[in-house]
Amino acid sequence: MPTRRPAWSSRSRRTGSPPATTRHSVRSAPSSPRTSEGEIIKDIDEYVTRHLTEPQSSIVGAVRALMAAHAPGAHEVISRGSPAWEGKKMIAIISRSKTHITLAFARGAEFKDPHGLLDGVGKTTRHVKLKTVSDVEDARLVDYVRQAVALDAQ
């Protein structure tokens, strides 16, 4: 009786080896930041305390004050693992890096940008990199927040 070969791909039949697997056992990052005990962080204050150092925490504090003053209807949330602000939809989200905080506007591609501060080339999002608290206090940033709120109201 002839030996039966496994039902592998045609390439595998030629080489006699099983196909390379496409499934990986790499563990993906959690969708929300977690405490050392594995609990999901739901509060921006806790996120700042657990994940940021100076000057990042001061920059985020200034962004929170900016959003409270110029986007009073927006709610602070943790979205995609980072602090964010939502109105009817996502308005803005921040992310951290070693050298700065990025403030991304969800509909930033629709903004008028006479100041030339926005970076990004995607279909929807634009961002600014904030390296100091004075970057947040820049009056030009207020214009972007106002545009984000106006677009969210539509």
N, C-alpha and C. Protein backbone atom coordinates (compact mmCIF):
# COMPACT_ATOMS: atom_id res chain seq x y z
N MET A 1 0.84 -1.17 0.00
CA MET A 1 0.00 0.00 0.00
C MET A 1 0.89 1.24 0.00
N PRO A 2 0.62 2.21 -0.89
CA PRO A 2 1.47 3.40 -0.96
C PRO A 2 1.29 4.29 0.27
N THR A 3 2.38 5.03 0.60
CA THR A 3 2.33 5.94 1.75
C THR A 3 1.50 7.17 1.38
N ARG A 4 0.69 7.54 2.29
CA ARG A 4 -0.17 8.70 2.04
C ARG A 4 0.51 9.96 2.54
N ARG A 5 0.58 10.97 1.69
CA ARG A 5 1.20 12.25 2.07
C ARG A 5 0.17 13.17 2.70
N PRO A 6 0.61 14.03 3.60
CA PRO A 6 -0.31 15.01 4.20
C PRO A 6 -0.86 15.95 3.12
N ALA A 7 -2.02 16.47 3.34
CA ALA A 7 -2.65 17.38 2.37
C ALA A 7 -2.10 18.79 2.55
N TRP A 8 -0.83 18.95 2.27
CA TRP A 8 -0.21 20.27 2.36
C TRP A 8 -0.30 20.97 1.02
N SER A 9 0.21 22.19 0.97
CA SER A 9 0.20 22.95 -0.28
C SER A 9 1.07 22.28 -1.32
N SER A 10 0.93 22.71 -2.56
CA SER A 10 1.71 22.11 -3.64
C SER A 10 3.20 22.33 -3.42
N ARG A 11 3.58 23.46 -2.86
CA ARG A 11 5.00 23.71 -2.58
C ARG A 11 5.51 22.69 -1.57
N SER A 12 4.70 22.42 -0.58
CA SER A 12 5.09 21.47 0.45
C SER A 12 5.25 20.08 -0.14
N ARG A 13 4.42 19.74 -1.11
CA ARG A 13 4.55 18.43 -1.74
C ARG A 13 5.87 18.32 -2.48
N ARG A 14 6.30 19.43 -3.06
CA ARG A 14 7.58 19.40 -3.79
C ARG A 14 8.76 19.29 -2.85
N THR A 15 8.69 20.01 -1.71
CA THR A 15 9.84 20.03 -0.80
C THR A 15 9.77 18.95 0.26
N GLY A 16 8.59 18.40 0.49
CA GLY A 16 8.44 17.37 1.48
C GLY A 16 8.40 17.86 2.91
N SER A 17 8.30 19.19 3.09
CA SER A 17 8.25 19.73 4.45
C SER A 17 6.91 20.40 4.67
N PRO A 18 6.49 20.49 5.92
CA PRO A 18 5.21 21.14 6.19
C PRO A 18 5.29 22.64 5.87
N PRO A 19 4.17 23.25 5.56
CA PRO A 19 4.18 24.68 5.24
C PRO A 19 4.55 25.51 6.45
N ALA A 20 5.12 26.68 6.19
CA ALA A 20 5.42 27.60 7.28
C ALA A 20 4.10 28.08 7.86
N THR A 21 4.05 28.17 9.15
CA THR A 21 2.82 28.58 9.80
C THR A 21 2.60 30.07 9.66
N THR A 22 1.37 30.48 9.54
CA THR A 22 1.05 31.91 9.49
C THR A 22 0.53 32.40 10.83
N ARG A 23 0.29 31.51 11.75
CA ARG A 23 -0.17 31.89 13.08
C ARG A 23 1.03 32.13 13.96
N HIS A 24 0.99 33.21 14.67
CA HIS A 24 2.08 33.55 15.58
C HIS A 24 1.57 33.52 17.00
N SER A 25 2.42 33.15 17.90
CA SER A 25 2.02 33.13 19.30
C SER A 25 2.49 34.39 20.02
N VAL A 26 2.69 35.46 19.27
CA VAL A 26 3.12 36.72 19.86
C VAL A 26 1.94 37.33 20.59
N ARG A 27 2.17 37.71 21.82
CA ARG A 27 1.11 38.30 22.62
C ARG A 27 0.96 39.76 22.25
N SER A 28 -0.23 40.17 21.90
CA SER A 28 -0.46 41.55 21.53
C SER A 28 -0.56 42.41 22.78
N ALA A 29 -0.30 43.68 22.60
CA ALA A 29 -0.37 44.61 23.72
C ALA A 29 -1.83 44.78 24.13
N PRO A 30 -2.09 45.01 25.41
CA PRO A 30 -3.46 45.22 25.83
C PRO A 30 -4.02 46.48 25.19
N SER A 31 -5.32 46.50 24.95
CA SER A 31 -5.93 47.64 24.30
C SER A 31 -6.01 48.85 25.23
N SER A 32 -5.94 48.64 26.51
CA SER A 32 -5.98 49.73 27.49
C SER A 32 -4.80 49.61 28.42
N PRO A 33 -4.27 50.75 28.88
CA PRO A 33 -3.15 50.66 29.82
C PRO A 33 -3.61 49.97 31.09
N ARG A 34 -2.69 49.27 31.71
CA ARG A 34 -3.04 48.49 32.90
C ARG A 34 -2.09 48.81 34.05
N THR A 35 -2.58 48.59 35.25
CA THR A 35 -1.75 48.71 36.43
C THR A 35 -0.86 47.49 36.52
N SER A 36 0.07 47.49 37.44
CA SER A 36 0.94 46.33 37.61
C SER A 36 0.15 45.10 38.06
N GLU A 37 -1.03 45.32 38.62
CA GLU A 37 -1.89 44.22 39.04
C GLU A 37 -2.78 43.73 37.89
N GLY A 38 -2.68 44.34 36.71
CA GLY A 38 -3.46 43.94 35.55
C GLY A 38 -4.80 44.62 35.41
N GLU A 39 -5.11 45.57 36.29
CA GLU A 39 -6.37 46.28 36.21
C GLU A 39 -6.29 47.36 35.14
N ILE A 40 -7.38 47.56 34.41
CA ILE A 40 -7.41 48.57 33.35
C ILE A 40 -7.46 49.96 33.97
N ILE A 41 -6.62 50.86 33.45
CA ILE A 41 -6.63 52.25 33.91
C ILE A 41 -7.73 52.98 33.15
N LYS A 42 -8.67 53.57 33.88
CA LYS A 42 -9.80 54.24 33.26
C LYS A 42 -9.78 55.75 33.48
N ASP A 43 -8.82 56.24 34.23
CA ASP A 43 -8.79 57.63 34.64
C ASP A 43 -7.49 58.28 34.17
N ILE A 44 -7.59 59.48 33.64
CA ILE A 44 -6.39 60.15 33.13
C ILE A 44 -5.43 60.49 34.26
N ASP A 45 -5.96 60.85 35.43
CA ASP A 45 -5.06 61.13 36.56
C ASP A 45 -4.20 59.91 36.87
N GLU A 46 -4.81 58.76 36.90
CA GLU A 46 -4.07 57.53 37.19
C GLU A 46 -3.07 57.23 36.07
N TYR A 47 -3.47 57.46 34.81
CA TYR A 47 -2.56 57.27 33.67
C TYR A 47 -1.31 58.14 33.83
N VAL A 48 -1.53 59.41 34.15
CA VAL A 48 -0.41 60.35 34.30
C VAL A 48 0.51 59.89 35.43
N THR A 49 -0.08 59.52 36.56
CA THR A 49 0.70 59.10 37.72
C THR A 49 1.54 57.85 37.42
N ARG A 50 0.94 56.89 36.73
CA ARG A 50 1.61 55.62 36.50
C ARG A 50 2.53 55.58 35.30
N HIS A 51 2.27 56.41 34.27
CA HIS A 51 3.00 56.27 33.01
C HIS A 51 3.88 57.45 32.60
N LEU A 52 3.72 58.60 33.22
CA LEU A 52 4.46 59.77 32.76
C LEU A 52 5.43 60.29 33.80
N THR A 53 6.50 60.87 33.32
CA THR A 53 7.46 61.54 34.17
C THR A 53 7.50 63.01 33.75
N GLU A 54 8.28 63.79 34.44
CA GLU A 54 8.44 65.19 34.04
C GLU A 54 9.37 65.25 32.83
N PRO A 55 9.17 66.10 31.89
CA PRO A 55 8.14 67.14 31.79
C PRO A 55 6.83 66.66 31.19
N GLN A 56 6.74 65.38 30.85
CA GLN A 56 5.53 64.87 30.20
C GLN A 56 4.26 65.11 31.02
N SER A 57 4.32 64.85 32.32
CA SER A 57 3.11 65.03 33.14
C SER A 57 2.67 66.49 33.18
N SER A 58 3.61 67.41 33.20
CA SER A 58 3.25 68.84 33.18
C SER A 58 2.65 69.24 31.84
N ILE A 59 3.18 68.69 30.77
CA ILE A 59 2.65 68.98 29.43
C ILE A 59 1.22 68.46 29.33
N VAL A 60 0.98 67.24 29.80
CA VAL A 60 -0.38 66.68 29.76
C VAL A 60 -1.32 67.51 30.63
N GLY A 61 -0.84 67.97 31.78
CA GLY A 61 -1.65 68.84 32.63
C GLY A 61 -2.05 70.12 31.90
N ALA A 62 -1.11 70.69 31.16
CA ALA A 62 -1.41 71.90 30.39
C ALA A 62 -2.39 71.62 29.26
N VAL A 63 -2.27 70.45 28.61
CA VAL A 63 -3.21 70.07 27.55
C VAL A 63 -4.60 69.89 28.14
N ARG A 64 -4.69 69.28 29.31
CA ARG A 64 -5.99 69.09 29.96
C ARG A 64 -6.63 70.44 30.26
N ALA A 65 -5.85 71.40 30.74
CA ALA A 65 -6.37 72.74 31.03
C ALA A 65 -6.82 73.43 29.74
N LEU A 66 -6.04 73.28 28.69
CA LEU A 66 -6.38 73.86 27.38
C LEU A 66 -7.71 73.29 26.87
N MET A 67 -7.86 71.97 26.95
CA MET A 67 -9.09 71.34 26.47
C MET A 67 -10.28 71.72 27.35
N ALA A 68 -10.08 71.83 28.65
CA ALA A 68 -11.18 72.22 29.54
C ALA A 68 -11.64 73.64 29.24
N ALA A 69 -10.71 74.51 28.90
CA ALA A 69 -11.04 75.91 28.63
C ALA A 69 -11.68 76.09 27.25
N HIS A 70 -11.21 75.36 26.25
CA HIS A 70 -11.64 75.63 24.88
C HIS A 70 -12.48 74.52 24.25
N ALA A 71 -12.63 73.42 24.95
CA ALA A 71 -13.52 72.33 24.52
C ALA A 71 -14.30 71.85 25.73
N PRO A 72 -15.09 72.76 26.34
CA PRO A 72 -15.74 72.41 27.61
C PRO A 72 -16.74 71.27 27.51
N GLY A 73 -17.28 71.01 26.33
CA GLY A 73 -18.23 69.92 26.18
C GLY A 73 -17.59 68.57 25.95
N ALA A 74 -16.27 68.56 25.80
CA ALA A 74 -15.56 67.31 25.55
C ALA A 74 -15.34 66.57 26.86
N HIS A 75 -15.42 65.25 26.78
CA HIS A 75 -15.21 64.41 27.96
C HIS A 75 -13.83 63.77 27.88
N GLU A 76 -13.12 63.75 29.00
CA GLU A 76 -11.84 63.05 29.07
C GLU A 76 -12.10 61.55 29.15
N VAL A 77 -11.39 60.79 28.32
CA VAL A 77 -11.53 59.33 28.32
C VAL A 77 -10.15 58.71 28.07
N ILE A 78 -10.06 57.43 28.32
CA ILE A 78 -8.90 56.67 27.89
C ILE A 78 -9.36 55.92 26.64
N SER A 79 -8.72 56.19 25.52
CA SER A 79 -9.08 55.56 24.25
C SER A 79 -7.81 55.04 23.59
N ARG A 80 -7.86 53.81 23.12
CA ARG A 80 -6.70 53.18 22.48
C ARG A 80 -5.48 53.23 23.40
N GLY A 81 -5.74 53.19 24.69
CA GLY A 81 -4.67 53.16 25.67
C GLY A 81 -4.07 54.50 26.03
N SER A 82 -4.65 55.59 25.55
CA SER A 82 -4.10 56.93 25.80
C SER A 82 -5.20 57.90 26.21
N PRO A 83 -4.83 58.97 26.91
CA PRO A 83 -5.81 60.00 27.24
C PRO A 83 -6.36 60.64 25.96
N ALA A 84 -7.66 60.89 25.95
CA ALA A 84 -8.31 61.47 24.77
C ALA A 84 -9.49 62.31 25.20
N TRP A 85 -10.03 63.07 24.25
CA TRP A 85 -11.19 63.90 24.48
C TRP A 85 -12.23 63.58 23.42
N GLU A 86 -13.45 63.34 23.87
CA GLU A 86 -14.55 63.01 22.97
C GLU A 86 -15.69 64.00 23.14
N GLY A 87 -16.29 64.37 22.02
CA GLY A 87 -17.54 65.11 22.00
C GLY A 87 -18.56 64.13 21.46
N LYS A 88 -19.12 64.46 20.28
CA LYS A 88 -19.97 63.48 19.59
C LYS A 88 -19.12 62.30 19.14
N LYS A 89 -17.91 62.60 18.72
CA LYS A 89 -16.93 61.60 18.32
C LYS A 89 -15.59 62.01 18.92
N MET A 90 -14.55 61.29 18.56
CA MET A 90 -13.21 61.60 19.05
C MET A 90 -12.78 62.98 18.54
N ILE A 91 -12.28 63.81 19.45
CA ILE A 91 -11.78 65.13 19.09
C ILE A 91 -10.26 65.11 19.02
N ALA A 92 -9.63 64.63 20.09
CA ALA A 92 -8.17 64.63 20.15
C ALA A 92 -7.70 63.51 21.06
N ILE A 93 -6.46 63.10 20.85
CA ILE A 93 -5.85 62.05 21.67
C ILE A 93 -4.38 62.39 21.83
N ILE A 94 -3.81 62.02 22.98
CA ILE A 94 -2.38 62.26 23.17
C ILE A 94 -1.65 60.92 23.22
N SER A 95 -0.39 60.97 22.87
CA SER A 95 0.47 59.81 23.04
C SER A 95 1.82 60.31 23.51
N ARG A 96 2.53 59.44 24.18
CA ARG A 96 3.82 59.82 24.76
C ARG A 96 4.96 59.22 23.96
N SER A 97 6.07 59.91 24.00
CA SER A 97 7.33 59.37 23.49
C SER A 97 8.40 59.79 24.47
N LYS A 98 9.62 59.40 24.23
CA LYS A 98 10.70 59.75 25.16
C LYS A 98 10.96 61.25 25.19
N THR A 99 10.74 61.93 24.07
CA THR A 99 11.13 63.34 23.98
C THR A 99 9.98 64.33 23.95
N HIS A 100 8.75 63.87 23.79
CA HIS A 100 7.64 64.80 23.66
C HIS A 100 6.29 64.10 23.89
N ILE A 101 5.25 64.90 23.91
CA ILE A 101 3.87 64.43 23.92
C ILE A 101 3.28 64.83 22.57
N THR A 102 2.60 63.91 21.94
CA THR A 102 1.94 64.21 20.67
C THR A 102 0.45 64.43 20.93
N LEU A 103 -0.06 65.55 20.45
CA LEU A 103 -1.48 65.84 20.52
C LEU A 103 -2.02 65.69 19.10
N ALA A 104 -2.83 64.66 18.88
CA ALA A 104 -3.38 64.39 17.55
C ALA A 104 -4.85 64.77 17.51
N PHE A 105 -5.22 65.44 16.44
CA PHE A 105 -6.61 65.84 16.23
C PHE A 105 -7.25 64.87 15.24
N ALA A 106 -8.35 64.26 15.66
CA ALA A 106 -8.98 63.20 14.88
C ALA A 106 -9.38 63.66 13.48
N ARG A 107 -9.81 64.89 13.31
CA ARG A 107 -10.20 65.40 12.00
C ARG A 107 -9.27 66.52 11.55
N GLY A 108 -8.03 66.43 11.98
CA GLY A 108 -7.06 67.48 11.70
C GLY A 108 -6.78 67.73 10.23
N ALA A 109 -7.00 66.73 9.37
CA ALA A 109 -6.78 66.92 7.94
C ALA A 109 -7.76 67.93 7.36
N GLU A 110 -8.87 68.17 8.06
CA GLU A 110 -9.87 69.13 7.59
C GLU A 110 -9.60 70.54 8.11
N PHE A 111 -8.60 70.71 8.95
CA PHE A 111 -8.30 72.02 9.53
C PHE A 111 -7.70 72.95 8.48
N LYS A 112 -7.92 74.25 8.71
CA LYS A 112 -7.14 75.27 8.02
C LYS A 112 -5.89 75.41 8.88
N ASP A 113 -4.74 75.47 8.25
CA ASP A 113 -3.48 75.49 9.02
C ASP A 113 -2.62 76.69 8.64
N PRO A 114 -3.07 77.91 8.95
CA PRO A 114 -2.27 79.08 8.61
C PRO A 114 -0.98 79.17 9.44
N HIS A 115 -0.92 78.45 10.55
CA HIS A 115 0.24 78.51 11.44
C HIS A 115 1.33 77.54 11.02
N GLY A 116 0.99 76.52 10.27
CA GLY A 116 1.97 75.55 9.79
C GLY A 116 2.53 74.63 10.87
N LEU A 117 1.79 74.42 11.95
CA LEU A 117 2.29 73.58 13.04
C LEU A 117 1.89 72.12 12.90
N LEU A 118 0.87 71.83 12.12
CA LEU A 118 0.36 70.46 12.04
C LEU A 118 1.26 69.56 11.20
N ASP A 119 1.48 68.35 11.70
CA ASP A 119 2.24 67.33 10.98
C ASP A 119 1.30 66.18 10.66
N GLY A 120 1.70 65.38 9.68
CA GLY A 120 0.94 64.20 9.32
C GLY A 120 0.47 64.26 7.89
N VAL A 121 0.28 63.07 7.31
CA VAL A 121 -0.12 63.01 5.91
C VAL A 121 -1.29 62.07 5.68
N GLY A 122 -1.87 61.52 6.72
CA GLY A 122 -2.98 60.58 6.57
C GLY A 122 -4.24 61.25 6.08
N LYS A 123 -5.28 60.45 5.93
CA LYS A 123 -6.55 60.96 5.41
C LYS A 123 -7.32 61.80 6.43
N THR A 124 -7.11 61.55 7.73
CA THR A 124 -7.94 62.23 8.72
C THR A 124 -7.16 62.98 9.81
N THR A 125 -6.13 62.38 10.35
CA THR A 125 -5.49 62.90 11.56
C THR A 125 -4.31 63.81 11.24
N ARG A 126 -4.15 64.83 12.08
CA ARG A 126 -2.96 65.68 12.08
C ARG A 126 -2.55 65.86 13.53
N HIS A 127 -1.27 66.12 13.76
CA HIS A 127 -0.79 66.22 15.14
C HIS A 127 0.25 67.31 15.30
N VAL A 128 0.45 67.68 16.56
CA VAL A 128 1.53 68.60 16.93
C VAL A 128 2.35 67.91 18.01
N LYS A 129 3.65 68.15 17.99
CA LYS A 129 4.54 67.61 19.02
C LYS A 129 4.78 68.69 20.05
N LEU A 130 4.54 68.33 21.31
CA LEU A 130 4.68 69.28 22.42
C LEU A 130 5.85 68.85 23.28
N LYS A 131 6.89 69.69 23.31
CA LYS A 131 8.10 69.35 24.07
C LYS A 131 8.19 70.08 25.39
N THR A 132 7.46 71.19 25.52
CA THR A 132 7.47 71.96 26.76
C THR A 132 6.06 72.46 27.05
N VAL A 133 5.83 72.90 28.27
CA VAL A 133 4.54 73.46 28.65
C VAL A 133 4.26 74.71 27.83
N SER A 134 5.28 75.49 27.52
CA SER A 134 5.07 76.71 26.73
C SER A 134 4.56 76.39 25.33
N ASP A 135 4.86 75.20 24.81
CA ASP A 135 4.31 74.80 23.51
C ASP A 135 2.79 74.70 23.58
N VAL A 136 2.28 74.25 24.73
CA VAL A 136 0.83 74.11 24.91
C VAL A 136 0.19 75.48 25.09
N GLU A 137 0.89 76.37 25.71
CA GLU A 137 0.35 77.70 25.99
C GLU A 137 0.36 78.61 24.77
N ASP A 138 0.88 78.12 23.65
CA ASP A 138 0.92 78.86 22.40
C ASP A 138 -0.51 79.13 21.93
N ALA A 139 -0.83 80.38 21.64
CA ALA A 139 -2.19 80.75 21.22
C ALA A 139 -2.60 80.05 19.93
N ARG A 140 -1.64 79.66 19.11
CA ARG A 140 -1.97 78.98 17.86
C ARG A 140 -2.62 77.62 18.11
N LEU A 141 -2.26 76.98 19.22
CA LEU A 141 -2.85 75.69 19.55
C LEU A 141 -4.35 75.83 19.88
N VAL A 142 -4.72 76.96 20.46
CA VAL A 142 -6.13 77.24 20.76
C VAL A 142 -6.95 77.22 19.47
N ASP A 143 -6.39 77.77 18.40
CA ASP A 143 -7.09 77.78 17.11
C ASP A 143 -7.40 76.35 16.65
N TYR A 144 -6.46 75.44 16.81
CA TYR A 144 -6.68 74.06 16.41
C TYR A 144 -7.77 73.39 17.26
N VAL A 145 -7.75 73.66 18.56
CA VAL A 145 -8.77 73.09 19.44
C VAL A 145 -10.15 73.62 19.05
N ARG A 146 -10.24 74.89 18.76
CA ARG A 146 -11.52 75.47 18.36
C ARG A 146 -12.01 74.85 17.04
N GLN A 147 -11.11 74.64 16.10
CA GLN A 147 -11.49 74.01 14.84
C GLN A 147 -11.98 72.57 15.09
N ALA A 148 -11.32 71.88 15.98
CA ALA A 148 -11.71 70.48 16.30
C ALA A 148 -13.11 70.47 16.90
N VAL A 149 -13.40 71.39 17.79
CA VAL A 149 -14.71 71.46 18.44
C VAL A 149 -15.78 71.82 17.40
N ALA A 150 -15.46 72.75 16.51
CA ALA A 150 -16.42 73.15 15.48
C ALA A 150 -16.74 71.99 14.54
N LEU A 151 -15.73 71.23 14.15
CA LEU A 151 -15.97 70.07 13.28
C LEU A 151 -16.78 69.00 13.99
N ASP A 152 -16.53 68.82 15.29
CA ASP A 152 -17.26 67.81 16.05
C ASP A 152 -18.74 68.19 16.18
N ALA A 153 -19.03 69.48 16.20
CA ALA A 153 -20.41 69.95 16.35
C ALA A 153 -21.24 69.74 15.08
N GLN A 154 -20.58 69.54 13.95
CA GLN A 154 -21.29 69.37 12.67
C GLN A 154 -21.98 68.03 12.59
